[in-house]
């Protein structure tokens, strides 16, 4: 049976290896890793989670990093959740959050790295804009705490700001960032059936809230 694919995302590792992720209407995430072999059969080595970790179609994929040699991706789904997903030989959802609407698109805004001296941890935070269909738009922070030395790590998702004034599906959003004033974001979001565009401001604070 043909599968409706909703999203594609490339990820290139530090060693240059290239992978392609796809999300489809059968709740599945798939990954193909490419090689330099000219006789490489693209159908020979796909990885497929067979829809075990999502309860709706996978509509957005944002590769974040690699952890222990396995990719960490952020996924959005019709089931209204974003998930931090370790997608490798061992697959597991590291954290998830309900954003109140089908997560149609995810846009990475910036990445910050900080050292938390009091807890002997490194903090990496990813600031992300999410277009959430009937739920409007969200600005979220994905946080990763890793210990010194890297004996383990913790992931979490925090909602930083939201805009819910749309009367229809929010399929597209973007942000203008003033790097002289990083605590504020000028956001632009649109809605489909009412043909509406809204401009709004989100105030951002350094997110050092540790996941439970």
Protein backbone atom coordinates (compact mmCIF):
# COMPACT_ATOMS: atom_id res chain seq x y z
CA UNK A 1 0.00 0.00 0.00
CA UNK A 2 1.40 3.46 -0.89
CA UNK A 3 2.30 5.58 2.13
CA UNK A 4 1.58 9.32 2.35
CA UNK A 5 4.82 10.98 3.44
CA UNK A 6 4.33 14.23 5.35
CA UNK A 7 7.91 15.32 5.99
CA UNK A 8 11.56 14.76 5.04
CA UNK A 9 14.67 15.92 6.90
CA UNK A 10 18.38 15.38 6.25
CA UNK A 11 20.98 15.03 9.00
CA UNK A 12 24.74 15.07 8.46
CA UNK A 13 26.94 13.71 11.25
CA UNK A 14 30.28 15.20 12.25
CA UNK A 15 32.02 12.43 10.30
CA UNK A 16 30.13 13.43 7.15
CA UNK A 17 27.67 10.52 7.08
CA UNK A 18 24.33 11.60 5.62
CA UNK A 19 20.93 10.27 6.70
CA UNK A 20 17.39 11.01 5.53
CA UNK A 21 14.42 10.85 7.93
CA UNK A 22 10.80 10.65 6.81
CA UNK A 23 7.50 10.88 8.67
CA UNK A 24 4.31 9.43 7.23
CA UNK A 25 0.56 9.12 7.70
CA UNK A 26 0.95 5.64 9.24
CA UNK A 27 2.55 7.20 12.36
CA UNK A 28 5.98 5.95 11.26
CA UNK A 29 9.47 7.44 11.26
CA UNK A 30 11.94 5.95 8.80
CA UNK A 31 15.65 6.56 8.31
CA UNK A 32 17.94 5.80 5.38
CA UNK A 33 21.72 6.24 5.75
CA UNK A 34 23.60 6.91 2.53
CA UNK A 35 27.04 5.64 1.55
CA UNK A 36 29.56 6.51 -1.17
CA UNK A 37 29.04 3.13 -2.81
CA UNK A 38 27.68 3.77 -6.35
CA UNK A 39 25.89 0.40 -6.21
CA UNK A 40 24.14 1.30 -2.94
CA UNK A 41 20.55 0.04 -2.87
CA UNK A 42 18.44 2.70 -1.15
CA UNK A 43 15.83 0.08 -0.17
CA UNK A 44 18.34 -2.29 1.45
CA UNK A 45 18.98 -0.59 4.80
CA UNK A 46 15.95 1.43 5.93
CA UNK A 47 15.19 1.75 9.65
CA UNK A 48 11.49 1.86 10.51
CA UNK A 49 9.83 2.20 13.91
CA UNK A 50 6.56 0.79 12.48
CA UNK A 51 4.46 3.47 14.15
CA UNK A 52 5.12 2.33 17.73
CA UNK A 53 5.88 5.75 19.21
CA UNK A 54 3.32 8.14 17.67
CA UNK A 55 -0.47 8.10 17.83
CA UNK A 56 -0.97 10.15 14.66
CA UNK A 57 0.78 10.94 11.40
CA UNK A 58 4.31 12.31 11.77
CA UNK A 59 4.18 15.78 10.22
CA UNK A 60 7.47 17.39 11.29
CA UNK A 61 11.02 16.19 12.01
CA UNK A 62 13.85 18.35 13.33
CA UNK A 63 17.25 16.65 13.81
CA UNK A 64 18.95 18.00 16.95
CA UNK A 65 22.20 16.12 17.60
CA UNK A 66 23.77 12.71 18.11
CA UNK A 67 23.97 11.02 21.51
CA UNK A 68 26.06 7.89 22.08
CA UNK A 69 26.37 7.58 18.30
CA UNK A 70 22.59 7.62 17.75
CA UNK A 71 20.54 10.51 16.35
CA UNK A 72 18.26 12.62 18.54
CA UNK A 73 15.35 14.14 16.62
CA UNK A 74 12.35 16.25 17.57
CA UNK A 75 9.12 15.08 15.98
CA UNK A 76 5.72 16.71 15.58
CA UNK A 77 2.53 14.77 15.02
CA UNK A 78 -1.19 15.03 14.34
CA UNK A 79 -1.60 13.64 17.87
CA UNK A 80 -0.66 17.15 19.16
CA UNK A 81 2.61 16.02 20.77
CA UNK A 82 6.23 16.91 20.21
CA UNK A 83 8.67 14.16 21.13
CA UNK A 84 12.40 14.07 21.74
CA UNK A 85 13.16 10.79 20.06
CA UNK A 86 16.36 8.76 20.12
CA UNK A 87 16.20 7.00 16.77
CA UNK A 88 18.85 4.33 16.41
CA UNK A 89 19.21 0.62 16.99
CA UNK A 90 17.61 1.31 20.36
CA UNK A 91 14.62 3.60 19.95
CA UNK A 92 13.06 5.52 22.81
CA UNK A 93 11.11 8.68 23.49
CA UNK A 94 13.20 10.74 25.91
CA UNK A 95 10.54 13.42 26.59
CA UNK A 96 7.24 14.59 25.12
CA UNK A 97 4.79 17.46 25.50
CA UNK A 98 1.21 18.10 24.34
CA UNK A 99 1.12 21.46 22.51
CA UNK A 100 -2.66 21.58 22.16
CA UNK A 101 -2.83 21.21 18.39
CA UNK A 102 -1.48 19.07 15.59
CA UNK A 103 2.20 19.97 15.21
CA UNK A 104 2.55 20.82 11.53
CA UNK A 105 5.96 22.51 11.42
CA UNK A 106 9.02 22.97 13.66
CA UNK A 107 11.59 25.72 13.05
CA UNK A 108 14.90 25.90 14.93
CA UNK A 109 15.58 29.47 16.05
CA UNK A 110 18.82 29.14 18.01
CA UNK A 111 21.00 26.82 20.09
CA UNK A 112 22.75 27.86 23.30
CA UNK A 113 25.31 26.03 25.45
CA UNK A 114 25.92 26.88 29.11
CA UNK A 115 27.83 25.34 31.99
CA UNK A 116 25.95 25.05 35.30
CA UNK A 117 28.77 25.13 37.82
CA UNK A 118 26.59 24.48 40.87
CA UNK A 119 25.28 21.17 39.55
CA UNK A 120 28.33 20.11 37.51
CA UNK A 121 26.20 19.93 34.37
CA UNK A 122 26.25 21.20 30.83
CA UNK A 123 23.04 22.72 29.50
CA UNK A 124 22.17 22.80 25.80
CA UNK A 125 18.92 24.55 24.93
CA UNK A 126 17.19 24.61 21.56
CA UNK A 127 14.68 27.43 20.96
CA UNK A 128 12.02 26.27 18.51
CA UNK A 129 8.93 27.76 16.86
CA UNK A 130 6.03 25.33 16.38
CA UNK A 131 3.02 25.79 14.08
CA UNK A 132 0.24 23.83 15.78
CA UNK A 133 -2.73 23.87 13.38
CA UNK A 134 -5.94 24.54 15.37
CA UNK A 135 -3.88 25.21 18.51
CA UNK A 136 -2.07 28.27 17.15
CA UNK A 137 1.67 28.86 17.49
CA UNK A 138 4.10 27.99 20.29
CA UNK A 139 7.66 28.91 21.15
CA UNK A 140 9.23 25.98 23.00
CA UNK A 141 12.57 25.25 24.59
CA UNK A 142 14.10 21.80 24.31
CA UNK A 143 16.70 21.39 27.05
CA UNK A 144 19.44 18.80 27.46
CA UNK A 145 21.38 18.40 30.70
CA UNK A 146 24.51 16.25 30.54
CA UNK A 147 26.69 15.46 33.54
CA UNK A 148 30.47 15.84 33.89
CA UNK A 149 31.79 13.45 32.71
CA UNK A 150 29.01 12.25 30.43
CA UNK A 151 27.68 9.49 32.67
CA UNK A 152 24.09 10.24 31.75
CA UNK A 153 21.77 12.98 30.55
CA UNK A 154 18.24 14.34 30.89
CA UNK A 155 15.95 15.92 28.28
CA UNK A 156 12.91 18.14 28.70
CA UNK A 157 10.45 20.36 26.81
CA UNK A 158 9.14 23.70 28.11
CA UNK A 159 6.52 25.97 26.50
CA UNK A 160 7.95 29.51 26.55
CA UNK A 161 5.25 31.48 24.71
CA UNK A 162 2.06 30.87 22.76
CA UNK A 163 -0.32 32.65 20.41
CA UNK A 164 -3.91 31.38 20.16
CA UNK A 165 -5.77 34.22 18.41
CA UNK A 166 -6.08 32.39 15.09
CA UNK A 167 -9.57 31.27 14.07
CA UNK A 168 -8.31 28.60 11.68
CA UNK A 169 -5.40 26.24 11.05
CA UNK A 170 -1.90 27.66 11.70
CA UNK A 171 0.26 25.96 9.08
CA UNK A 172 3.11 28.49 8.73
CA UNK A 173 5.02 30.72 11.15
CA UNK A 174 8.34 32.54 11.23
CA UNK A 175 10.38 34.82 13.49
CA UNK A 176 12.50 37.92 13.05
CA UNK A 177 15.26 37.94 15.66
CA UNK A 178 16.94 41.13 16.85
CA UNK A 179 20.30 39.80 18.00
CA UNK A 180 20.91 43.04 19.93
CA UNK A 181 17.84 42.17 22.04
CA UNK A 182 17.74 38.35 22.24
CA UNK A 183 15.08 38.29 24.96
CA UNK A 184 12.38 39.32 22.46
CA UNK A 185 11.12 37.64 19.31
CA UNK A 186 8.94 39.28 16.68
CA UNK A 187 6.73 36.44 15.44
CA UNK A 188 4.59 36.14 12.33
CA UNK A 189 1.98 33.40 12.08
CA UNK A 190 -0.73 32.65 9.55
CA UNK A 191 -4.01 30.77 9.46
CA UNK A 192 -5.46 29.00 6.47
CA UNK A 193 -9.21 29.22 6.03
CA UNK A 194 -9.63 32.74 7.45
CA UNK A 195 -6.67 34.00 5.35
CA UNK A 196 -5.19 35.78 8.36
CA UNK A 197 -1.65 36.86 9.28
CA UNK A 198 -0.82 37.93 12.83
CA UNK A 199 2.27 39.69 14.20
CA UNK A 200 3.02 39.18 17.89
CA UNK A 201 5.90 39.44 20.32
CA UNK A 202 7.32 36.67 22.51
CA UNK A 203 9.50 37.40 25.50
CA UNK A 204 12.25 34.86 26.06
CA UNK A 205 14.17 34.16 29.25
CA UNK A 206 17.17 31.91 29.75
CA UNK A 207 15.63 28.53 30.45
CA UNK A 208 17.54 26.72 33.16
CA UNK A 209 14.57 24.79 34.50
CA UNK A 210 15.79 21.24 34.92
CA UNK A 211 13.57 18.41 33.69
CA UNK A 212 12.16 16.25 36.45
